[in-house]
Amino acid sequence: MLTLKQRRFAYSMVQAGDIGAAAKAAEVTPELAEQWLLDPDIKAVIDHDKVAAIDTATETRERVIARYAAIANADIGDYFMKDTDWSMMKPIDQLTRTQRLCIKKIKPTQHGVELELYDRLRANDKLAELLGLLADGTGDVSAEDKASQIRNLLQEMEDVTTGITTH
């Protein structure tokens, strides 16, 4: 079982990646910190936390991409009852979670409901930016790789809108 200082040291090693900063955060000498790096229990905590940090960053990136893809593909017609004059919005509980996340504003008016979704064009731009598709042409990404990224993006967007995605 690790002490509080050892846990603080392990956490700081993951965050800072620097033994000096981690030793300072744990309020121990650099010599003791170096000894702690050899301790299998401390190494296990550091390794576990590094994997968790990478997984969290990857999941967050995927969730952001999925959210922008949903916004980019949102169809305002999906929010209204069929066979009406667009004045009857579906009840919120009949919308999917993804559809609800695409709503920027709902405002009742004397003529029905005013519904505003997040900007689809901006979402497409953000997706392209996240995936590095808006580079100025001076990068190392070939046209073939960009085309592949676009195909992957389009597939992810399709997965989000058809409910296949695991996000």
C-alpha atoms as a PDB file:
ATOM      1  CA  MET A   1       0.000   0.000   0.000  1.00  0.00           C
ATOM      2  CA  LEU A   2       1.428   3.359  -1.023  1.00  0.00           C
ATOM      3  CA  THR A   3       1.711   6.303   1.302  1.00  0.00           C
ATOM      4  CA  LEU A   4       0.104   9.626   0.460  1.00  0.00           C
ATOM      5  CA  LYS A   5       3.501  11.033  -0.583  1.00  0.00           C
ATOM      6  CA  GLN A   6       4.185   8.028  -2.808  1.00  0.00           C
ATOM      7  CA  ARG A   7       0.787   8.427  -4.473  1.00  0.00           C
ATOM      8  CA  ARG A   8       1.420  12.146  -4.959  1.00  0.00           C
ATOM      9  CA  PHE A   9       4.803  11.288  -6.460  1.00  0.00           C
ATOM     10  CA  ALA A  10       3.308   8.694  -8.843  1.00  0.00           C
ATOM     11  CA  TYR A  11       0.561  11.086  -9.927  1.00  0.00           C
ATOM     12  CA  SER A  12       3.094  13.876 -10.501  1.00  0.00           C
ATOM     13  CA  MET A  13       5.297  11.539 -12.552  1.00  0.00           C
ATOM     14  CA  VAL A  14       2.349  10.866 -14.854  1.00  0.00           C
ATOM     15  CA  GLN A  15       1.395  14.537 -15.095  1.00  0.00           C
ATOM     16  CA  ALA A  16       4.829  16.164 -15.302  1.00  0.00           C
ATOM     17  CA  GLY A  17       6.918  13.242 -16.504  1.00  0.00           C
ATOM     18  CA  ASP A  18       9.856  14.770 -14.648  1.00  0.00           C
ATOM     19  CA  ILE A  19      11.379  13.216 -11.552  1.00  0.00           C
ATOM     20  CA  GLY A  20      12.438  16.594 -10.144  1.00  0.00           C
ATOM     21  CA  ALA A  21       8.933  18.052 -10.392  1.00  0.00           C
ATOM     22  CA  ALA A  22       7.425  14.850  -8.987  1.00  0.00           C
ATOM     23  CA  ALA A  23       9.841  14.832  -6.054  1.00  0.00           C
ATOM     24  CA  LYS A  24       9.007  18.459  -5.315  1.00  0.00           C
ATOM     25  CA  ALA A  25       5.266  17.775  -5.505  1.00  0.00           C
ATOM     26  CA  ALA A  26       5.643  14.852  -3.089  1.00  0.00           C
ATOM     27  CA  GLU A  27       7.961  16.924  -0.857  1.00  0.00           C
ATOM     28  CA  VAL A  28      10.776  14.371  -0.961  1.00  0.00           C
ATOM     29  CA  THR A  29      14.395  14.497  -2.065  1.00  0.00           C
ATOM     30  CA  PRO A  30      15.276  13.663  -5.671  1.00  0.00           C
ATOM     31  CA  GLU A  31      17.365  10.751  -4.338  1.00  0.00           C
ATOM     32  CA  LEU A  32      14.353   9.223  -2.592  1.00  0.00           C
ATOM     33  CA  ALA A  33      12.243   9.825  -5.695  1.00  0.00           C
ATOM     34  CA  GLU A  34      14.769   7.868  -7.774  1.00  0.00           C
ATOM     35  CA  GLN A  35      14.555   4.989  -5.302  1.00  0.00           C
ATOM     36  CA  TRP A  36      10.758   5.099  -5.513  1.00  0.00           C
ATOM     37  CA  LEU A  37      10.925   4.745  -9.288  1.00  0.00           C
ATOM     38  CA  LEU A  38      12.432   1.286  -8.712  1.00  0.00           C
ATOM     39  CA  ASP A  39       9.590   0.218  -6.401  1.00  0.00           C
ATOM     40  CA  PRO A  40       7.304  -2.185  -8.340  1.00  0.00           C
ATOM     41  CA  ASP A  41       4.151  -0.920  -6.594  1.00  0.00           C
ATOM     42  CA  ILE A  42       4.912   2.689  -7.485  1.00  0.00           C
ATOM     43  CA  LYS A  43       5.867   1.705 -11.049  1.00  0.00           C
ATOM     44  CA  ALA A  44       2.550  -0.162 -11.357  1.00  0.00           C
ATOM     45  CA  VAL A  45       0.593   2.923 -10.274  1.00  0.00           C
ATOM     46  CA  ILE A  46       2.537   5.139 -12.688  1.00  0.00           C
ATOM     47  CA  ASP A  47       2.042   2.699 -15.580  1.00  0.00           C
ATOM     48  CA  HIS A  48      -1.654   2.276 -14.781  1.00  0.00           C
ATOM     49  CA  ASP A  49      -2.200   6.037 -14.569  1.00  0.00           C
ATOM     50  CA  LYS A  50      -0.339   6.622 -17.846  1.00  0.00           C
ATOM     51  CA  VAL A  51      -2.554   4.097 -19.633  1.00  0.00           C
ATOM     52  CA  ALA A  52      -5.656   5.653 -18.067  1.00  0.00           C
ATOM     53  CA  ALA A  53      -4.554   9.138 -19.164  1.00  0.00           C
ATOM     54  CA  ILE A  54      -3.997   7.941 -22.740  1.00  0.00           C
ATOM     55  CA  ASP A  55      -7.352   6.127 -22.763  1.00  0.00           C
ATOM     56  CA  THR A  56      -9.117   9.225 -21.444  1.00  0.00           C
ATOM     57  CA  ALA A  57      -7.512  11.450 -24.062  1.00  0.00           C
ATOM     58  CA  THR A  58      -8.405   8.998 -26.833  1.00  0.00           C
ATOM     59  CA  GLU A  59     -11.979   8.624 -25.610  1.00  0.00           C
ATOM     60  CA  THR A  60     -12.361  12.376 -25.282  1.00  0.00           C
ATOM     61  CA  ARG A  61     -11.079  12.909 -28.840  1.00  0.00           C
ATOM     62  CA  GLU A  62     -13.454  10.258 -30.177  1.00  0.00           C
ATOM     63  CA  ARG A  63     -16.388  11.742 -28.268  1.00  0.00           C
ATOM     64  CA  VAL A  64     -15.598  15.221 -29.586  1.00  0.00           C
ATOM     65  CA  ILE A  65     -15.406  13.897 -33.138  1.00  0.00           C
ATOM     66  CA  ALA A  66     -18.671  11.986 -32.673  1.00  0.00           C
ATOM     67  CA  ARG A  67     -20.392  15.084 -31.279  1.00  0.00           C
ATOM     68  CA  TYR A  68     -19.240  17.309 -34.152  1.00  0.00           C
ATOM     69  CA  ALA A  69     -20.216  14.577 -36.627  1.00  0.00           C
ATOM     70  CA  ALA A  70     -23.705  14.436 -35.122  1.00  0.00           C
ATOM     71  CA  ILE A  71     -24.064  18.209 -35.355  1.00  0.00           C
ATOM     72  CA  ALA A  72     -22.727  18.243 -38.915  1.00  0.00           C
ATOM     73  CA  ASN A  73     -25.353  15.665 -39.924  1.00  0.00           C
ATOM     74  CA  ALA A  74     -28.282  16.927 -37.886  1.00  0.00           C
ATOM     75  CA  ASP A  75     -31.502  17.189 -39.891  1.00  0.00           C
ATOM     76  CA  ILE A  76     -33.970  19.646 -38.427  1.00  0.00           C
ATOM     77  CA  GLY A  77     -36.813  17.625 -39.944  1.00  0.00           C
ATOM     78  CA  ASP A  78     -36.063  14.832 -37.470  1.00  0.00           C
ATOM     79  CA  TYR A  79     -37.172  17.088 -34.620  1.00  0.00           C
ATOM     80  CA  PHE A  80     -40.737  17.640 -35.821  1.00  0.00           C
ATOM     81  CA  MET A  81     -43.803  15.435 -36.056  1.00  0.00           C
ATOM     82  CA  LYS A  82     -44.415  14.001 -39.482  1.00  0.00           C
ATOM     83  CA  ASP A  83     -47.485  15.125 -41.451  1.00  0.00           C
ATOM     84  CA  THR A  84     -47.659  18.493 -39.694  1.00  0.00           C
ATOM     85  CA  ASP A  85     -46.846  21.947 -40.964  1.00  0.00           C
ATOM     86  CA  TRP A  86     -43.551  21.967 -39.041  1.00  0.00           C
ATOM     87  CA  SER A  87     -45.299  23.538 -36.077  1.00  0.00           C
ATOM     88  CA  MET A  88     -45.340  20.468 -33.823  1.00  0.00           C
ATOM     89  CA  MET A  89     -41.998  19.535 -32.369  1.00  0.00           C
ATOM     90  CA  LYS A  90     -41.549  15.983 -31.116  1.00  0.00           C
ATOM     91  CA  PRO A  91     -41.560  15.639 -27.346  1.00  0.00           C
ATOM     92  CA  ILE A  92     -38.031  15.818 -25.956  1.00  0.00           C
ATOM     93  CA  ASP A  93     -38.263  12.262 -24.617  1.00  0.00           C
ATOM     94  CA  GLN A  94     -38.797  11.011 -28.184  1.00  0.00           C
ATOM     95  CA  LEU A  95     -35.498  12.499 -29.340  1.00  0.00           C
ATOM     96  CA  THR A  96     -32.298  10.493 -29.109  1.00  0.00           C
ATOM     97  CA  ARG A  97     -29.527  11.654 -26.806  1.00  0.00           C
ATOM     98  CA  THR A  98     -27.485  12.582 -29.870  1.00  0.00           C
ATOM     99  CA  GLN A  99     -30.349  14.670 -31.232  1.00  0.00           C
ATOM    100  CA  ARG A 100     -30.750  16.472 -27.917  1.00  0.00           C
ATOM    101  CA  LEU A 101     -27.029  17.289 -27.852  1.00  0.00           C
ATOM    102  CA  CYS A 102     -27.391  19.011 -31.244  1.00  0.00           C
ATOM    103  CA  ILE A 103     -29.981  21.484 -29.921  1.00  0.00           C
ATOM    104  CA  LYS A 104     -28.651  24.932 -29.219  1.00  0.00           C
ATOM    105  CA  LYS A 105     -31.928  26.608 -28.246  1.00  0.00           C
ATOM    106  CA  ILE A 106     -35.643  25.840 -27.931  1.00  0.00           C
ATOM    107  CA  LYS A 107     -37.928  28.813 -27.585  1.00  0.00           C
ATOM    108  CA  PRO A 108     -41.733  28.747 -27.487  1.00  0.00           C
ATOM    109  CA  THR A 109     -43.374  31.409 -29.646  1.00  0.00           C
ATOM    110  CA  GLN A 110     -46.974  32.329 -30.411  1.00  0.00           C
ATOM    111  CA  HIS A 111     -46.661  30.408 -33.690  1.00  0.00           C
ATOM    112  CA  GLY A 112     -45.155  27.240 -32.242  1.00  0.00           C
ATOM    113  CA  VAL A 113     -41.638  26.321 -31.231  1.00  0.00           C
ATOM    114  CA  GLU A 114     -38.469  27.981 -32.451  1.00  0.00           C
ATOM    115  CA  LEU A 115     -35.721  25.400 -32.643  1.00  0.00           C
ATOM    116  CA  GLU A 116     -32.080  26.243 -33.253  1.00  0.00           C
ATOM    117  CA  LEU A 117     -29.476  23.558 -33.804  1.00  0.00           C
ATOM    118  CA  TYR A 118     -25.754  24.098 -33.544  1.00  0.00           C
ATOM    119  CA  ASP A 119     -24.109  25.335 -36.743  1.00  0.00           C
ATOM    120  CA  ARG A 120     -23.537  22.424 -39.163  1.00  0.00           C
ATOM    121  CA  LEU A 121     -20.937  24.219 -41.287  1.00  0.00           C
ATOM    122  CA  ARG A 122     -18.914  25.187 -38.241  1.00  0.00           C
ATOM    123  CA  ALA A 123     -19.112  21.579 -37.025  1.00  0.00           C
ATOM    124  CA  ASN A 124     -17.746  20.378 -40.368  1.00  0.00           C
ATOM    125  CA  ASP A 125     -14.925  22.914 -40.156  1.00  0.00           C
ATOM    126  CA  LYS A 126     -14.092  21.818 -36.601  1.00  0.00           C
ATOM    127  CA  LEU A 127     -14.059  18.170 -37.688  1.00  0.00           C
ATOM    128  CA  ALA A 128     -11.706  18.953 -40.529  1.00  0.00           C
ATOM    129  CA  GLU A 129      -9.516  20.959 -38.154  1.00  0.00           C
ATOM    130  CA  LEU A 130      -9.456  18.161 -35.554  1.00  0.00           C
ATOM    131  CA  LEU A 131      -8.422  15.669 -38.189  1.00  0.00           C
ATOM    132  CA  GLY A 132      -5.851  17.996 -39.744  1.00  0.00           C
ATOM    133  CA  LEU A 133      -7.685  18.252 -43.047  1.00  0.00           C
ATOM    134  CA  LEU A 134      -7.418  22.030 -43.274  1.00  0.00           C
ATOM    135  CA  ALA A 135      -3.635  22.113 -43.345  1.00  0.00           C
ATOM    136  CA  ASP A 136      -2.076  24.713 -45.601  1.00  0.00           C
ATOM    137  CA  GLY A 137      -0.411  22.145 -47.828  1.00  0.00           C
ATOM    138  CA  THR A 138       3.007  22.471 -46.236  1.00  0.00           C
ATOM    139  CA  GLY A 139       2.557  19.446 -43.949  1.00  0.00           C
ATOM    140  CA  ASP A 140       3.756  15.917 -44.441  1.00  0.00           C
ATOM    141  CA  VAL A 141       0.278  14.518 -45.154  1.00  0.00           C
ATOM    142  CA  SER A 142      -0.099  13.198 -48.696  1.00  0.00           C
ATOM    143  CA  ALA A 143      -3.242  13.743 -50.746  1.00  0.00           C
ATOM    144  CA  GLU A 144      -3.918  10.014 -50.489  1.00  0.00           C
ATOM    145  CA  ASP A 145      -3.724  10.145 -46.689  1.00  0.00           C
ATOM    146  CA  LYS A 146      -6.042  13.156 -46.586  1.00  0.00           C
ATOM    147  CA  ALA A 147      -8.516  11.342 -48.828  1.00  0.00           C
ATOM    148  CA  SER A 148      -8.366   8.369 -46.467  1.00  0.00           C
ATOM    149  CA  GLN A 149      -8.942  10.649 -43.462  1.00  0.00           C
ATOM    150  CA  ILE A 150     -11.953  12.187 -45.193  1.00  0.00           C
ATOM    151  CA  ARG A 151     -13.363   8.722 -45.961  1.00  0.00           C
ATOM    152  CA  ASN A 152     -12.873   7.714 -42.323  1.00  0.00           C
ATOM    153  CA  LEU A 153     -14.523  10.925 -41.150  1.00  0.00           C
ATOM    154  CA  LEU A 154     -17.486  10.350 -43.427  1.00  0.00           C
ATOM    155  CA  GLN A 155     -17.818   6.789 -42.117  1.00  0.00           C
ATOM    156  CA  GLU A 156     -17.704   8.015 -38.517  1.00  0.00           C
ATOM    157  CA  MET A 157     -20.335  10.614 -39.337  1.00  0.00           C
ATOM    158  CA  GLU A 158     -22.521   7.946 -40.923  1.00  0.00           C
ATOM    159  CA  ASP A 159     -22.050   5.677 -37.901  1.00  0.00           C
ATOM    160  CA  VAL A 160     -23.134   8.487 -35.565  1.00  0.00           C
ATOM    161  CA  THR A 161     -26.255   9.328 -37.530  1.00  0.00           C
ATOM    162  CA  THR A 162     -27.323   5.680 -37.881  1.00  0.00           C
ATOM    163  CA  GLY A 163     -26.664   4.883 -34.226  1.00  0.00           C
ATOM    164  CA  ILE A 164     -23.859   2.385 -34.908  1.00  0.00           C
ATOM    165  CA  THR A 165     -21.243   4.304 -32.994  1.00  0.00           C
ATOM    166  CA  THR A 166     -20.124   3.048 -29.595  1.00  0.00           C
ATOM    167  CA  HIS A 167     -19.566   6.531 -28.120  1.00  0.00           C
END
